[in-house]
Amino acid sequence: MSKDKPIPRELRSRKNARILRKNPTKEENHLWYDFLRNYPIRFHRQYVIESYIVDFFCPKAKLIIELDGNQHYEKNAAIEYDSKRTQGIEKYGFCVLRYTNLEIQRQFKNVCEDINNHVQERIQPSGTSCHLP
């Protein structure tokens, strides 16, 4: 990451990220405390990229994890926003993984395995691909 250009991080979004870190969803807490917090490669919670706040960020693997509640699938505007947001984030070479809250609740082990597989693949010398979950 140090060889790359610094990621722009909007100050107002950084303040909002602090608030979000103090008020996580049940699913964010579950993924953080039961998997990512003690993962051997460091993850950050509620990390700012440009004006966007991503749920989880692994700088070494250039991996973003987003947890989506129902609001992400109920309205076309939300779907379009997520698509634009993902494109804005991917331009820095990041891979964005999306999981629904329902997947965290019902398929937690599978989600953790998928995240681990992506991290391991991306930290390999030639690892740049991003497969959708």
N, C-alpha and C. Protein backbone atom coordinates (compact mmCIF):
# COMPACT_ATOMS: atom_id res chain seq x y z
N MET A 1 0.81 -1.18 0.00
CA MET A 1 0.00 0.00 0.00
C MET A 1 0.86 1.25 0.00
N SER A 2 2.00 1.19 0.64
CA SER A 2 2.84 2.37 0.74
C SER A 2 3.39 2.81 -0.61
N LYS A 3 3.48 1.92 -1.58
CA LYS A 3 3.99 2.26 -2.90
C LYS A 3 2.92 2.96 -3.74
N ASP A 4 1.66 2.77 -3.38
CA ASP A 4 0.56 3.35 -4.12
C ASP A 4 0.33 4.79 -3.67
N LYS A 5 -0.42 5.51 -4.50
CA LYS A 5 -0.82 6.86 -4.12
C LYS A 5 -1.70 6.78 -2.87
N PRO A 6 -1.64 7.78 -2.02
CA PRO A 6 -2.53 7.78 -0.85
C PRO A 6 -3.99 7.86 -1.29
N ILE A 7 -4.84 7.23 -0.53
CA ILE A 7 -6.27 7.25 -0.82
C ILE A 7 -6.86 8.53 -0.25
N PRO A 8 -7.59 9.29 -1.06
CA PRO A 8 -8.24 10.48 -0.52
C PRO A 8 -9.26 10.09 0.55
N ARG A 9 -9.25 10.80 1.67
CA ARG A 9 -10.16 10.48 2.78
C ARG A 9 -10.79 11.77 3.28
N GLU A 10 -12.04 11.97 2.93
CA GLU A 10 -12.76 13.19 3.28
C GLU A 10 -12.91 13.32 4.80
N LEU A 11 -12.59 14.48 5.35
CA LEU A 11 -12.62 14.71 6.79
C LEU A 11 -14.00 14.49 7.39
N ARG A 12 -15.04 15.02 6.74
CA ARG A 12 -16.40 14.85 7.27
C ARG A 12 -16.77 13.37 7.35
N SER A 13 -16.38 12.60 6.34
CA SER A 13 -16.66 11.17 6.34
C SER A 13 -15.88 10.46 7.45
N ARG A 14 -14.67 10.93 7.73
CA ARG A 14 -13.87 10.33 8.81
C ARG A 14 -14.57 10.51 10.15
N LYS A 15 -15.19 11.66 10.36
CA LYS A 15 -15.95 11.89 11.60
C LYS A 15 -17.16 10.96 11.66
N ASN A 16 -17.85 10.81 10.54
CA ASN A 16 -19.00 9.91 10.49
C ASN A 16 -18.57 8.46 10.71
N ALA A 17 -17.40 8.09 10.21
CA ALA A 17 -16.91 6.73 10.39
C ALA A 17 -16.69 6.42 11.87
N ARG A 18 -16.19 7.40 12.62
CA ARG A 18 -16.01 7.21 14.07
C ARG A 18 -17.34 6.91 14.75
N ILE A 19 -18.37 7.63 14.34
CA ILE A 19 -19.70 7.41 14.90
C ILE A 19 -20.19 6.01 14.56
N LEU A 20 -20.00 5.60 13.30
CA LEU A 20 -20.43 4.26 12.88
C LEU A 20 -19.68 3.16 13.61
N ARG A 21 -18.39 3.36 13.88
CA ARG A 21 -17.62 2.37 14.62
C ARG A 21 -18.17 2.17 16.03
N LYS A 22 -18.73 3.23 16.59
CA LYS A 22 -19.29 3.15 17.94
C LYS A 22 -20.71 2.58 17.95
N ASN A 23 -21.34 2.50 16.79
CA ASN A 23 -22.72 2.03 16.69
C ASN A 23 -22.87 1.00 15.57
N PRO A 24 -22.17 -0.12 15.66
CA PRO A 24 -22.24 -1.12 14.59
C PRO A 24 -23.57 -1.88 14.60
N THR A 25 -23.88 -2.45 13.45
CA THR A 25 -25.05 -3.33 13.40
C THR A 25 -24.69 -4.65 14.07
N LYS A 26 -25.70 -5.43 14.35
CA LYS A 26 -25.48 -6.74 14.97
C LYS A 26 -24.59 -7.61 14.07
N GLU A 27 -24.83 -7.55 12.78
CA GLU A 27 -24.06 -8.36 11.83
C GLU A 27 -22.61 -7.88 11.73
N GLU A 28 -22.40 -6.57 11.75
CA GLU A 28 -21.03 -6.04 11.74
C GLU A 28 -20.27 -6.48 12.99
N ASN A 29 -20.94 -6.41 14.13
CA ASN A 29 -20.32 -6.88 15.38
C ASN A 29 -19.94 -8.35 15.29
N HIS A 30 -20.85 -9.15 14.77
CA HIS A 30 -20.62 -10.59 14.66
C HIS A 30 -19.40 -10.87 13.79
N LEU A 31 -19.36 -10.27 12.61
CA LEU A 31 -18.23 -10.50 11.71
C LEU A 31 -16.93 -9.98 12.32
N TRP A 32 -16.98 -8.83 12.97
CA TRP A 32 -15.77 -8.24 13.55
C TRP A 32 -15.26 -9.07 14.73
N TYR A 33 -16.09 -9.29 15.73
CA TYR A 33 -15.63 -9.93 16.96
C TYR A 33 -15.43 -11.44 16.81
N ASP A 34 -16.14 -12.06 15.90
CA ASP A 34 -16.03 -13.51 15.76
C ASP A 34 -15.15 -13.96 14.60
N PHE A 35 -14.59 -13.01 13.85
CA PHE A 35 -13.70 -13.41 12.76
C PHE A 35 -12.61 -12.38 12.44
N LEU A 36 -12.98 -11.21 12.01
CA LEU A 36 -11.99 -10.26 11.46
C LEU A 36 -11.07 -9.64 12.51
N ARG A 37 -11.56 -9.43 13.70
CA ARG A 37 -10.75 -8.76 14.73
C ARG A 37 -9.45 -9.50 15.01
N ASN A 38 -9.51 -10.83 15.04
CA ASN A 38 -8.33 -11.64 15.33
C ASN A 38 -7.76 -12.32 14.10
N TYR A 39 -8.19 -11.89 12.93
CA TYR A 39 -7.67 -12.46 11.69
C TYR A 39 -6.18 -12.12 11.60
N PRO A 40 -5.35 -13.03 11.10
CA PRO A 40 -3.90 -12.79 11.09
C PRO A 40 -3.45 -11.59 10.25
N ILE A 41 -4.27 -11.16 9.31
CA ILE A 41 -3.95 -9.98 8.51
C ILE A 41 -4.93 -8.88 8.93
N ARG A 42 -4.41 -7.71 9.14
CA ARG A 42 -5.20 -6.64 9.75
C ARG A 42 -6.34 -6.12 8.87
N PHE A 43 -7.48 -5.96 9.52
CA PHE A 43 -8.65 -5.32 8.93
C PHE A 43 -8.98 -4.06 9.73
N HIS A 44 -9.56 -3.08 9.07
CA HIS A 44 -10.06 -1.87 9.72
C HIS A 44 -11.58 -1.86 9.60
N ARG A 45 -12.23 -1.28 10.59
CA ARG A 45 -13.69 -1.11 10.54
C ARG A 45 -14.03 0.31 10.11
N GLN A 46 -15.11 0.44 9.36
CA GLN A 46 -15.64 1.74 8.96
C GLN A 46 -14.52 2.66 8.47
N TYR A 47 -13.90 2.26 7.40
CA TYR A 47 -12.75 2.98 6.84
C TYR A 47 -13.22 3.90 5.71
N VAL A 48 -12.63 5.07 5.63
CA VAL A 48 -13.03 6.06 4.63
C VAL A 48 -12.15 5.98 3.39
N ILE A 49 -12.81 5.91 2.24
CA ILE A 49 -12.15 5.98 0.94
C ILE A 49 -12.91 7.05 0.15
N GLU A 50 -12.23 8.12 -0.17
CA GLU A 50 -12.86 9.32 -0.74
C GLU A 50 -13.93 9.78 0.25
N SER A 51 -15.18 9.86 -0.19
CA SER A 51 -16.25 10.25 0.74
C SER A 51 -17.05 9.03 1.20
N TYR A 52 -16.64 7.85 0.77
CA TYR A 52 -17.36 6.62 1.11
C TYR A 52 -16.81 6.01 2.39
N ILE A 53 -17.71 5.42 3.17
CA ILE A 53 -17.30 4.70 4.37
C ILE A 53 -17.59 3.23 4.10
N VAL A 54 -16.54 2.42 4.08
CA VAL A 54 -16.70 0.99 3.84
C VAL A 54 -16.76 0.28 5.19
N ASP A 55 -17.47 -0.84 5.23
CA ASP A 55 -17.64 -1.55 6.49
C ASP A 55 -16.32 -2.11 7.02
N PHE A 56 -15.59 -2.83 6.16
CA PHE A 56 -14.31 -3.42 6.57
C PHE A 56 -13.30 -3.28 5.44
N PHE A 57 -12.04 -3.05 5.80
CA PHE A 57 -10.99 -2.81 4.82
C PHE A 57 -9.72 -3.53 5.24
N CYS A 58 -9.16 -4.29 4.31
CA CYS A 58 -7.88 -4.97 4.54
C CYS A 58 -6.87 -4.36 3.56
N PRO A 59 -5.99 -3.47 4.05
CA PRO A 59 -5.04 -2.82 3.14
C PRO A 59 -4.09 -3.78 2.44
N LYS A 60 -3.61 -4.79 3.16
CA LYS A 60 -2.63 -5.70 2.57
C LYS A 60 -3.20 -6.46 1.38
N ALA A 61 -4.46 -6.88 1.48
CA ALA A 61 -5.11 -7.62 0.40
C ALA A 61 -5.89 -6.70 -0.54
N LYS A 62 -5.93 -5.41 -0.22
CA LYS A 62 -6.73 -4.45 -1.00
C LYS A 62 -8.15 -4.97 -1.16
N LEU A 63 -8.72 -5.35 -0.03
CA LEU A 63 -10.04 -5.99 0.00
C LEU A 63 -11.00 -5.17 0.85
N ILE A 64 -12.19 -4.97 0.33
CA ILE A 64 -13.27 -4.26 1.02
C ILE A 64 -14.39 -5.26 1.25
N ILE A 65 -14.96 -5.24 2.44
CA ILE A 65 -16.12 -6.09 2.74
C ILE A 65 -17.27 -5.17 3.12
N GLU A 66 -18.39 -5.36 2.43
CA GLU A 66 -19.59 -4.58 2.70
C GLU A 66 -20.70 -5.52 3.14
N LEU A 67 -21.40 -5.15 4.20
CA LEU A 67 -22.56 -5.89 4.66
C LEU A 67 -23.80 -5.09 4.29
N ASP A 68 -24.69 -5.74 3.58
CA ASP A 68 -25.87 -5.05 3.06
C ASP A 68 -27.13 -5.50 3.76
N GLY A 69 -27.88 -4.54 4.29
CA GLY A 69 -29.19 -4.81 4.84
C GLY A 69 -30.23 -4.76 3.74
N ASN A 70 -31.49 -4.90 4.12
CA ASN A 70 -32.58 -4.92 3.14
C ASN A 70 -32.65 -3.66 2.30
N GLN A 71 -32.28 -2.52 2.88
CA GLN A 71 -32.39 -1.25 2.16
C GLN A 71 -31.56 -1.23 0.89
N HIS A 72 -30.56 -2.08 0.81
CA HIS A 72 -29.70 -2.11 -0.38
C HIS A 72 -30.37 -2.80 -1.57
N TYR A 73 -31.46 -3.52 -1.31
CA TYR A 73 -32.09 -4.28 -2.39
C TYR A 73 -33.54 -3.88 -2.63
N GLU A 74 -34.06 -2.97 -1.84
CA GLU A 74 -35.47 -2.62 -1.94
C GLU A 74 -35.75 -1.49 -2.93
N LYS A 75 -34.78 -0.62 -3.15
CA LYS A 75 -35.02 0.54 -4.00
C LYS A 75 -33.96 0.64 -5.08
N ASN A 76 -34.40 1.00 -6.28
CA ASN A 76 -33.46 1.15 -7.40
C ASN A 76 -32.39 2.19 -7.12
N ALA A 77 -32.75 3.26 -6.43
CA ALA A 77 -31.77 4.32 -6.13
C ALA A 77 -30.64 3.77 -5.27
N ALA A 78 -30.96 2.90 -4.32
CA ALA A 78 -29.93 2.31 -3.45
C ALA A 78 -29.03 1.37 -4.25
N ILE A 79 -29.62 0.63 -5.16
CA ILE A 79 -28.84 -0.29 -6.00
C ILE A 79 -27.89 0.51 -6.90
N GLU A 80 -28.39 1.58 -7.49
CA GLU A 80 -27.56 2.44 -8.34
C GLU A 80 -26.44 3.09 -7.54
N TYR A 81 -26.76 3.56 -6.33
CA TYR A 81 -25.74 4.19 -5.48
C TYR A 81 -24.64 3.19 -5.14
N ASP A 82 -25.03 1.97 -4.75
CA ASP A 82 -24.04 0.95 -4.42
C ASP A 82 -23.15 0.63 -5.61
N SER A 83 -23.73 0.59 -6.81
CA SER A 83 -22.96 0.31 -8.01
C SER A 83 -21.94 1.42 -8.28
N LYS A 84 -22.38 2.67 -8.17
CA LYS A 84 -21.49 3.82 -8.37
C LYS A 84 -20.38 3.82 -7.31
N ARG A 85 -20.77 3.54 -6.10
CA ARG A 85 -19.83 3.51 -4.97
C ARG A 85 -18.77 2.44 -5.19
N THR A 86 -19.20 1.26 -5.60
CA THR A 86 -18.28 0.15 -5.86
C THR A 86 -17.29 0.53 -6.96
N GLN A 87 -17.78 1.14 -8.03
CA GLN A 87 -16.88 1.57 -9.11
C GLN A 87 -15.87 2.60 -8.62
N GLY A 88 -16.32 3.52 -7.78
CA GLY A 88 -15.43 4.53 -7.23
C GLY A 88 -14.33 3.93 -6.37
N ILE A 89 -14.66 2.88 -5.67
CA ILE A 89 -13.70 2.20 -4.79
C ILE A 89 -12.76 1.31 -5.60
N GLU A 90 -13.30 0.60 -6.58
CA GLU A 90 -12.50 -0.34 -7.37
C GLU A 90 -11.44 0.36 -8.22
N LYS A 91 -11.60 1.64 -8.50
CA LYS A 91 -10.61 2.34 -9.31
C LYS A 91 -9.25 2.41 -8.61
N TYR A 92 -9.21 2.15 -7.32
CA TYR A 92 -7.95 2.11 -6.57
C TYR A 92 -7.35 0.70 -6.53
N GLY A 93 -7.98 -0.23 -7.26
CA GLY A 93 -7.47 -1.59 -7.30
C GLY A 93 -8.02 -2.48 -6.20
N PHE A 94 -9.05 -2.01 -5.50
CA PHE A 94 -9.64 -2.79 -4.42
C PHE A 94 -10.66 -3.78 -4.98
N CYS A 95 -10.80 -4.88 -4.29
CA CYS A 95 -11.84 -5.86 -4.57
C CYS A 95 -12.94 -5.63 -3.53
N VAL A 96 -14.18 -5.51 -3.97
CA VAL A 96 -15.30 -5.28 -3.06
C VAL A 96 -16.13 -6.55 -2.97
N LEU A 97 -16.23 -7.09 -1.77
CA LEU A 97 -17.08 -8.25 -1.51
C LEU A 97 -18.33 -7.77 -0.78
N ARG A 98 -19.48 -8.26 -1.21
CA ARG A 98 -20.74 -7.87 -0.57
C ARG A 98 -21.43 -9.12 -0.03
N TYR A 99 -21.90 -8.99 1.19
CA TYR A 99 -22.67 -10.06 1.82
C TYR A 99 -23.92 -9.43 2.42
N THR A 100 -25.01 -10.17 2.39
CA THR A 100 -26.22 -9.66 3.02
C THR A 100 -26.17 -9.95 4.51
N ASN A 101 -26.95 -9.20 5.26
CA ASN A 101 -27.05 -9.48 6.69
C ASN A 101 -27.56 -10.90 6.93
N LEU A 102 -28.44 -11.35 6.06
CA LEU A 102 -28.98 -12.70 6.18
C LEU A 102 -27.87 -13.75 6.01
N GLU A 103 -26.94 -13.51 5.10
CA GLU A 103 -25.81 -14.44 4.94
C GLU A 103 -24.96 -14.47 6.20
N ILE A 104 -24.75 -13.32 6.83
CA ILE A 104 -23.98 -13.29 8.08
C ILE A 104 -24.71 -14.08 9.16
N GLN A 105 -26.01 -13.94 9.22
CA GLN A 105 -26.80 -14.63 10.23
C GLN A 105 -26.87 -16.14 10.00
N ARG A 106 -27.05 -16.56 8.76
CA ARG A 106 -27.36 -17.97 8.48
C ARG A 106 -26.20 -18.77 7.89
N GLN A 107 -25.23 -18.09 7.27
CA GLN A 107 -24.14 -18.81 6.60
C GLN A 107 -22.79 -18.24 7.02
N PHE A 108 -22.64 -17.96 8.29
CA PHE A 108 -21.45 -17.27 8.79
C PHE A 108 -20.16 -18.01 8.44
N LYS A 109 -20.15 -19.29 8.63
CA LYS A 109 -18.93 -20.07 8.34
C LYS A 109 -18.55 -19.94 6.86
N ASN A 110 -19.54 -20.03 5.97
CA ASN A 110 -19.27 -19.91 4.53
C ASN A 110 -18.75 -18.52 4.18
N VAL A 111 -19.31 -17.49 4.79
CA VAL A 111 -18.85 -16.12 4.55
C VAL A 111 -17.39 -15.99 4.98
N CYS A 112 -17.07 -16.50 6.17
CA CYS A 112 -15.69 -16.42 6.67
C CYS A 112 -14.72 -17.16 5.75
N GLU A 113 -15.12 -18.32 5.28
CA GLU A 113 -14.27 -19.08 4.35
C GLU A 113 -14.06 -18.31 3.05
N ASP A 114 -15.12 -17.68 2.56
CA ASP A 114 -15.02 -16.91 1.32
C ASP A 114 -14.08 -15.72 1.50
N ILE A 115 -14.21 -15.03 2.61
CA ILE A 115 -13.32 -13.89 2.89
C ILE A 115 -11.88 -14.38 2.97
N ASN A 116 -11.65 -15.45 3.70
CA ASN A 116 -10.30 -15.99 3.84
C ASN A 116 -9.72 -16.37 2.48
N ASN A 117 -10.51 -17.02 1.65
CA ASN A 117 -10.04 -17.40 0.31
C ASN A 117 -9.64 -16.18 -0.51
N HIS A 118 -10.45 -15.13 -0.46
CA HIS A 118 -10.13 -13.90 -1.20
C HIS A 118 -8.86 -13.25 -0.67
N VAL A 119 -8.72 -13.19 0.65
CA VAL A 119 -7.51 -12.59 1.22
C VAL A 119 -6.29 -13.37 0.78
N GLN A 120 -6.33 -14.68 0.93
CA GLN A 120 -5.17 -15.50 0.58
C GLN A 120 -4.82 -15.37 -0.90
N GLU A 121 -5.83 -15.34 -1.75
CA GLU A 121 -5.60 -15.21 -3.19
C GLU A 121 -4.98 -13.84 -3.52
N ARG A 122 -5.44 -12.81 -2.85
CA ARG A 122 -4.98 -11.45 -3.19
C ARG A 122 -3.63 -11.09 -2.60
N ILE A 123 -3.18 -11.80 -1.57
CA ILE A 123 -1.85 -11.48 -1.03
C ILE A 123 -0.75 -12.27 -1.72
N GLN A 124 -1.13 -13.20 -2.58
CA GLN A 124 -0.14 -13.91 -3.38
C GLN A 124 0.47 -12.92 -4.37
N PRO A 125 1.72 -13.13 -4.78
CA PRO A 125 2.38 -12.16 -5.67
C PRO A 125 1.58 -11.79 -6.92
N SER A 126 0.83 -12.72 -7.48
CA SER A 126 0.07 -12.40 -8.69
C SER A 126 -1.42 -12.26 -8.40
N GLY A 127 -1.79 -12.19 -7.14
CA GLY A 127 -3.21 -12.18 -6.77
C GLY A 127 -3.87 -10.82 -6.92
N THR A 128 -4.68 -10.69 -7.96
CA THR A 128 -5.41 -9.43 -8.15
C THR A 128 -6.88 -9.67 -8.46
N SER A 129 -7.27 -10.89 -8.74
CA SER A 129 -8.64 -11.12 -9.18
C SER A 129 -9.62 -10.98 -8.02
N CYS A 130 -10.84 -10.72 -8.39
CA CYS A 130 -11.91 -10.58 -7.41
C CYS A 130 -13.11 -11.33 -7.94
N HIS A 131 -13.43 -12.44 -7.30
CA HIS A 131 -14.60 -13.22 -7.70
C HIS A 131 -15.76 -12.82 -6.82
N LEU A 132 -16.92 -12.66 -7.41
CA LEU A 132 -18.09 -12.29 -6.63
C LEU A 132 -18.51 -13.47 -5.77
N PRO A 133 -18.99 -13.18 -4.55
CA PRO A 133 -19.42 -14.28 -3.67
C PRO A 133 -20.65 -14.96 -4.21
